[in-house]
């Protein structure tokens, strides 16, 4: 057990991050973003400007927020959408986003990533220790953190990356 703990204790963000990251641009339509999320089986992506600077993150949660529905950004056309139950392990924000087949195509095509993305992005340095990353995820209730080096996005660490690192150490 102490060998496993030692192995995990030496891991840094750069050791577990994925550097080949799918990125969105601020002007990308929400429809394009949702399609990409479904095709890539992801629930969020960083948003970068033309210079590669991180300007936000768009997640399935951002798209499925009730205020986006109420403000008419993603106005449904009468279909039923699963609301889910927070205590149900099978519920996922992706289910709501990826089941928007009968949402207004005009609205989906006209809304852009920059309108719905979160701009308060939590970033980490490549040399941040795994233990600190885990503590940050718990404290901030997040599932991903962007790895930034000198202002540029160099990778992403997700809860899946952490689970993979733990699995490999066992």
C-alpha atoms as a PDB file:
ATOM      1  CA  UNK A   1       0.000   0.000   0.000  1.00  0.00           C
ATOM      2  CA  UNK A   2       2.790   2.440   0.797  1.00  0.00           C
ATOM      3  CA  UNK A   3       4.334   1.760  -2.637  1.00  0.00           C
ATOM      4  CA  UNK A   4       1.059   2.734  -4.293  1.00  0.00           C
ATOM      5  CA  UNK A   5       0.792   5.820  -2.109  1.00  0.00           C
ATOM      6  CA  UNK A   6       4.363   6.774  -2.979  1.00  0.00           C
ATOM      7  CA  UNK A   7       3.725   6.273  -6.700  1.00  0.00           C
ATOM      8  CA  UNK A   8       0.592   8.422  -6.596  1.00  0.00           C
ATOM      9  CA  UNK A   9       2.324  10.999  -4.413  1.00  0.00           C
ATOM     10  CA  UNK A  10       4.877  11.745  -7.098  1.00  0.00           C
ATOM     11  CA  UNK A  11       2.380  12.329  -9.903  1.00  0.00           C
ATOM     12  CA  UNK A  12       1.896  15.842 -11.242  1.00  0.00           C
ATOM     13  CA  UNK A  13      -0.665  17.318 -13.612  1.00  0.00           C
ATOM     14  CA  UNK A  14       1.765  16.909 -16.533  1.00  0.00           C
ATOM     15  CA  UNK A  15       1.923  13.152 -15.799  1.00  0.00           C
ATOM     16  CA  UNK A  16      -1.817  12.541 -16.034  1.00  0.00           C
ATOM     17  CA  UNK A  17      -3.087  15.328 -18.309  1.00  0.00           C
ATOM     18  CA  UNK A  18      -4.141  14.879 -21.881  1.00  0.00           C
ATOM     19  CA  UNK A  19      -2.348  17.327 -24.146  1.00  0.00           C
ATOM     20  CA  UNK A  20      -4.314  16.553 -27.296  1.00  0.00           C
ATOM     21  CA  UNK A  21      -7.365  18.550 -26.232  1.00  0.00           C
ATOM     22  CA  UNK A  22     -10.471  19.227 -28.309  1.00  0.00           C
ATOM     23  CA  UNK A  23     -11.023  22.986 -28.248  1.00  0.00           C
ATOM     24  CA  UNK A  24     -13.872  25.269 -29.223  1.00  0.00           C
ATOM     25  CA  UNK A  25     -13.722  28.810 -30.537  1.00  0.00           C
ATOM     26  CA  UNK A  26     -15.994  31.555 -29.129  1.00  0.00           C
ATOM     27  CA  UNK A  27     -17.890  31.897 -32.422  1.00  0.00           C
ATOM     28  CA  UNK A  28     -18.709  28.190 -32.738  1.00  0.00           C
ATOM     29  CA  UNK A  29     -22.460  27.577 -32.729  1.00  0.00           C
ATOM     30  CA  UNK A  30     -23.990  25.694 -29.823  1.00  0.00           C
ATOM     31  CA  UNK A  31     -25.297  23.147 -32.311  1.00  0.00           C
ATOM     32  CA  UNK A  32     -21.742  22.444 -33.527  1.00  0.00           C
ATOM     33  CA  UNK A  33     -20.513  22.176 -29.934  1.00  0.00           C
ATOM     34  CA  UNK A  34     -23.288  19.732 -28.945  1.00  0.00           C
ATOM     35  CA  UNK A  35     -22.622  17.621 -32.034  1.00  0.00           C
ATOM     36  CA  UNK A  36     -18.906  17.511 -31.222  1.00  0.00           C
ATOM     37  CA  UNK A  37     -19.587  16.592 -27.582  1.00  0.00           C
ATOM     38  CA  UNK A  38     -21.806  13.700 -28.695  1.00  0.00           C
ATOM     39  CA  UNK A  39     -19.350  12.452 -31.327  1.00  0.00           C
ATOM     40  CA  UNK A  40     -16.356  12.645 -28.992  1.00  0.00           C
ATOM     41  CA  UNK A  41     -18.246  11.362 -25.917  1.00  0.00           C
ATOM     42  CA  UNK A  42     -17.181  14.372 -23.845  1.00  0.00           C
ATOM     43  CA  UNK A  43     -19.179  16.711 -21.650  1.00  0.00           C
ATOM     44  CA  UNK A  44     -17.163  19.889 -22.009  1.00  0.00           C
ATOM     45  CA  UNK A  45     -14.310  21.630 -23.761  1.00  0.00           C
ATOM     46  CA  UNK A  46     -12.051  24.627 -23.331  1.00  0.00           C
ATOM     47  CA  UNK A  47     -12.721  27.712 -25.424  1.00  0.00           C
ATOM     48  CA  UNK A  48      -9.648  29.427 -26.860  1.00  0.00           C
ATOM     49  CA  UNK A  49      -9.196  32.555 -28.942  1.00  0.00           C
ATOM     50  CA  UNK A  50      -7.241  32.731 -32.190  1.00  0.00           C
ATOM     51  CA  UNK A  51      -3.977  33.058 -30.272  1.00  0.00           C
ATOM     52  CA  UNK A  52      -4.617  29.908 -28.239  1.00  0.00           C
ATOM     53  CA  UNK A  53      -5.393  31.853 -25.063  1.00  0.00           C
ATOM     54  CA  UNK A  54      -7.945  30.186 -22.802  1.00  0.00           C
ATOM     55  CA  UNK A  55     -11.053  32.400 -22.620  1.00  0.00           C
ATOM     56  CA  UNK A  56     -13.620  30.009 -21.159  1.00  0.00           C
ATOM     57  CA  UNK A  57     -15.056  26.523 -20.871  1.00  0.00           C
ATOM     58  CA  UNK A  58     -18.304  25.211 -22.288  1.00  0.00           C
ATOM     59  CA  UNK A  59     -19.843  22.225 -20.530  1.00  0.00           C
ATOM     60  CA  UNK A  60     -23.026  20.227 -20.928  1.00  0.00           C
ATOM     61  CA  UNK A  61     -24.151  21.867 -17.697  1.00  0.00           C
ATOM     62  CA  UNK A  62     -23.703  25.346 -19.213  1.00  0.00           C
ATOM     63  CA  UNK A  63     -25.859  24.374 -22.183  1.00  0.00           C
ATOM     64  CA  UNK A  64     -28.573  22.689 -20.097  1.00  0.00           C
ATOM     65  CA  UNK A  65     -28.939  25.485 -17.517  1.00  0.00           C
ATOM     66  CA  UNK A  66     -32.592  26.351 -16.856  1.00  0.00           C
ATOM     67  CA  UNK A  67     -31.968  30.066 -17.415  1.00  0.00           C
ATOM     68  CA  UNK A  68     -30.793  29.293 -20.949  1.00  0.00           C
ATOM     69  CA  UNK A  69     -34.080  27.524 -21.572  1.00  0.00           C
ATOM     70  CA  UNK A  70     -36.139  30.326 -19.968  1.00  0.00           C
ATOM     71  CA  UNK A  71     -34.314  33.066 -21.862  1.00  0.00           C
ATOM     72  CA  UNK A  72     -35.300  31.442 -25.132  1.00  0.00           C
ATOM     73  CA  UNK A  73     -31.751  30.559 -26.091  1.00  0.00           C
ATOM     74  CA  UNK A  74     -32.634  26.882 -26.392  1.00  0.00           C
ATOM     75  CA  UNK A  75     -36.393  27.039 -26.506  1.00  0.00           C
ATOM     76  CA  UNK A  76     -37.947  23.593 -26.815  1.00  0.00           C
ATOM     77  CA  UNK A  77     -40.703  22.848 -29.270  1.00  0.00           C
ATOM     78  CA  UNK A  78     -42.894  20.843 -26.910  1.00  0.00           C
ATOM     79  CA  UNK A  79     -40.897  17.654 -26.413  1.00  0.00           C
ATOM     80  CA  UNK A  80     -40.343  16.031 -23.065  1.00  0.00           C
ATOM     81  CA  UNK A  81     -36.861  16.090 -21.597  1.00  0.00           C
ATOM     82  CA  UNK A  82     -35.572  13.951 -18.747  1.00  0.00           C
ATOM     83  CA  UNK A  83     -35.064  16.144 -15.712  1.00  0.00           C
ATOM     84  CA  UNK A  84     -33.159  13.506 -13.804  1.00  0.00           C
ATOM     85  CA  UNK A  85     -32.745  12.973 -10.111  1.00  0.00           C
ATOM     86  CA  UNK A  86     -29.539  14.061  -8.424  1.00  0.00           C
ATOM     87  CA  UNK A  87     -29.581  10.880  -6.351  1.00  0.00           C
ATOM     88  CA  UNK A  88     -29.787   8.717  -9.480  1.00  0.00           C
ATOM     89  CA  UNK A  89     -26.320   7.548 -10.527  1.00  0.00           C
ATOM     90  CA  UNK A  90     -27.536   7.112 -14.111  1.00  0.00           C
ATOM     91  CA  UNK A  91     -28.327  10.823 -14.522  1.00  0.00           C
ATOM     92  CA  UNK A  92     -25.889  12.919 -16.486  1.00  0.00           C
ATOM     93  CA  UNK A  93     -26.087  16.484 -17.822  1.00  0.00           C
ATOM     94  CA  UNK A  94     -25.138  15.023 -21.203  1.00  0.00           C
ATOM     95  CA  UNK A  95     -28.507  13.230 -21.377  1.00  0.00           C
ATOM     96  CA  UNK A  96     -30.329  16.558 -21.351  1.00  0.00           C
ATOM     97  CA  UNK A  97     -27.997  18.194 -23.852  1.00  0.00           C
ATOM     98  CA  UNK A  98     -27.725  15.308 -26.270  1.00  0.00           C
ATOM     99  CA  UNK A  99     -31.486  14.661 -26.321  1.00  0.00           C
ATOM    100  CA  UNK A 100     -32.366  18.105 -27.695  1.00  0.00           C
ATOM    101  CA  UNK A 101     -33.476  16.745 -31.073  1.00  0.00           C
ATOM    102  CA  UNK A 102     -36.641  18.808 -31.233  1.00  0.00           C
ATOM    103  CA  UNK A 103     -35.171  22.083 -30.002  1.00  0.00           C
ATOM    104  CA  UNK A 104     -35.513  24.954 -32.423  1.00  0.00           C
ATOM    105  CA  UNK A 105     -32.803  24.579 -35.098  1.00  0.00           C
ATOM    106  CA  UNK A 106     -32.772  28.358 -35.616  1.00  0.00           C
ATOM    107  CA  UNK A 107     -31.920  28.953 -31.978  1.00  0.00           C
ATOM    108  CA  UNK A 108     -29.284  26.212 -31.832  1.00  0.00           C
ATOM    109  CA  UNK A 109     -27.631  27.516 -34.972  1.00  0.00           C
ATOM    110  CA  UNK A 110     -27.628  31.151 -33.877  1.00  0.00           C
ATOM    111  CA  UNK A 111     -26.465  30.809 -30.256  1.00  0.00           C
ATOM    112  CA  UNK A 112     -22.684  30.781 -29.940  1.00  0.00           C
ATOM    113  CA  UNK A 113     -20.302  29.189 -27.477  1.00  0.00           C
ATOM    114  CA  UNK A 114     -19.295  32.635 -26.177  1.00  0.00           C
ATOM    115  CA  UNK A 115     -22.896  33.287 -25.082  1.00  0.00           C
ATOM    116  CA  UNK A 116     -23.124  30.185 -22.864  1.00  0.00           C
ATOM    117  CA  UNK A 117     -19.544  29.407 -21.786  1.00  0.00           C
ATOM    118  CA  UNK A 118     -18.235  29.905 -18.273  1.00  0.00           C
ATOM    119  CA  UNK A 119     -15.498  32.518 -18.174  1.00  0.00           C
ATOM    120  CA  UNK A 120     -14.495  31.893 -14.566  1.00  0.00           C
ATOM    121  CA  UNK A 121     -12.190  29.001 -15.456  1.00  0.00           C
ATOM    122  CA  UNK A 122     -10.207  27.085 -12.870  1.00  0.00           C
ATOM    123  CA  UNK A 123      -6.718  26.420 -14.165  1.00  0.00           C
ATOM    124  CA  UNK A 124      -3.780  24.477 -12.800  1.00  0.00           C
ATOM    125  CA  UNK A 125      -0.050  24.472 -13.454  1.00  0.00           C
ATOM    126  CA  UNK A 126       1.664  21.469 -15.043  1.00  0.00           C
ATOM    127  CA  UNK A 127       3.653  20.820 -11.850  1.00  0.00           C
ATOM    128  CA  UNK A 128       0.654  20.725  -9.461  1.00  0.00           C
ATOM    129  CA  UNK A 129       0.636  17.508  -7.419  1.00  0.00           C
ATOM    130  CA  UNK A 130      -2.138  14.932  -7.853  1.00  0.00           C
ATOM    131  CA  UNK A 131      -3.187  15.312  -4.208  1.00  0.00           C
ATOM    132  CA  UNK A 132      -3.661  19.056  -4.709  1.00  0.00           C
ATOM    133  CA  UNK A 133      -5.609  18.483  -7.926  1.00  0.00           C
ATOM    134  CA  UNK A 134      -7.970  16.094  -6.120  1.00  0.00           C
ATOM    135  CA  UNK A 135      -8.453  18.564  -3.256  1.00  0.00           C
ATOM    136  CA  UNK A 136      -9.238  21.315  -5.768  1.00  0.00           C
ATOM    137  CA  UNK A 137     -11.807  19.150  -7.596  1.00  0.00           C
ATOM    138  CA  UNK A 138     -13.558  18.367  -4.311  1.00  0.00           C
ATOM    139  CA  UNK A 139     -13.443  21.957  -3.029  1.00  0.00           C
ATOM    140  CA  UNK A 140     -14.690  23.497  -6.265  1.00  0.00           C
ATOM    141  CA  UNK A 141     -17.092  20.667  -7.248  1.00  0.00           C
ATOM    142  CA  UNK A 142     -15.523  20.363 -10.697  1.00  0.00           C
ATOM    143  CA  UNK A 143     -14.794  17.488 -13.065  1.00  0.00           C
ATOM    144  CA  UNK A 144     -12.085  19.089 -15.179  1.00  0.00           C
ATOM    145  CA  UNK A 145      -9.304  21.638 -14.886  1.00  0.00           C
ATOM    146  CA  UNK A 146      -7.370  23.267 -17.681  1.00  0.00           C
ATOM    147  CA  UNK A 147      -3.591  22.954 -17.479  1.00  0.00           C
ATOM    148  CA  UNK A 148      -2.051  26.297 -18.402  1.00  0.00           C
ATOM    149  CA  UNK A 149       1.632  27.136 -18.802  1.00  0.00           C
ATOM    150  CA  UNK A 150       2.630  30.766 -19.374  1.00  0.00           C
ATOM    151  CA  UNK A 151      -0.946  31.668 -20.314  1.00  0.00           C
ATOM    152  CA  UNK A 152      -1.336  28.949 -22.948  1.00  0.00           C
ATOM    153  CA  UNK A 153      -3.546  25.888 -22.690  1.00  0.00           C
ATOM    154  CA  UNK A 154      -1.241  22.844 -22.640  1.00  0.00           C
ATOM    155  CA  UNK A 155      -3.637  20.157 -21.427  1.00  0.00           C
ATOM    156  CA  UNK A 156      -6.633  19.090 -19.413  1.00  0.00           C
ATOM    157  CA  UNK A 157      -7.039  16.924 -16.324  1.00  0.00           C
ATOM    158  CA  UNK A 158     -10.422  15.290 -15.749  1.00  0.00           C
ATOM    159  CA  UNK A 159     -11.805  12.989 -13.094  1.00  0.00           C
ATOM    160  CA  UNK A 160     -11.377  10.153 -15.592  1.00  0.00           C
ATOM    161  CA  UNK A 161      -7.664  10.970 -15.902  1.00  0.00           C
ATOM    162  CA  UNK A 162      -7.361  10.810 -12.115  1.00  0.00           C
ATOM    163  CA  UNK A 163      -9.223   7.485 -11.960  1.00  0.00           C
ATOM    164  CA  UNK A 164      -6.953   6.141 -14.693  1.00  0.00           C
ATOM    165  CA  UNK A 165      -3.818   7.186 -12.750  1.00  0.00           C
ATOM    166  CA  UNK A 166      -5.091   5.545  -9.557  1.00  0.00           C
ATOM    167  CA  UNK A 167      -6.056   2.375 -11.437  1.00  0.00           C
ATOM    168  CA  UNK A 168      -2.606   2.120 -13.007  1.00  0.00           C
ATOM    169  CA  UNK A 169      -0.929   2.605  -9.628  1.00  0.00           C
ATOM    170  CA  UNK A 170      -2.885  -0.227  -7.978  1.00  0.00           C
END
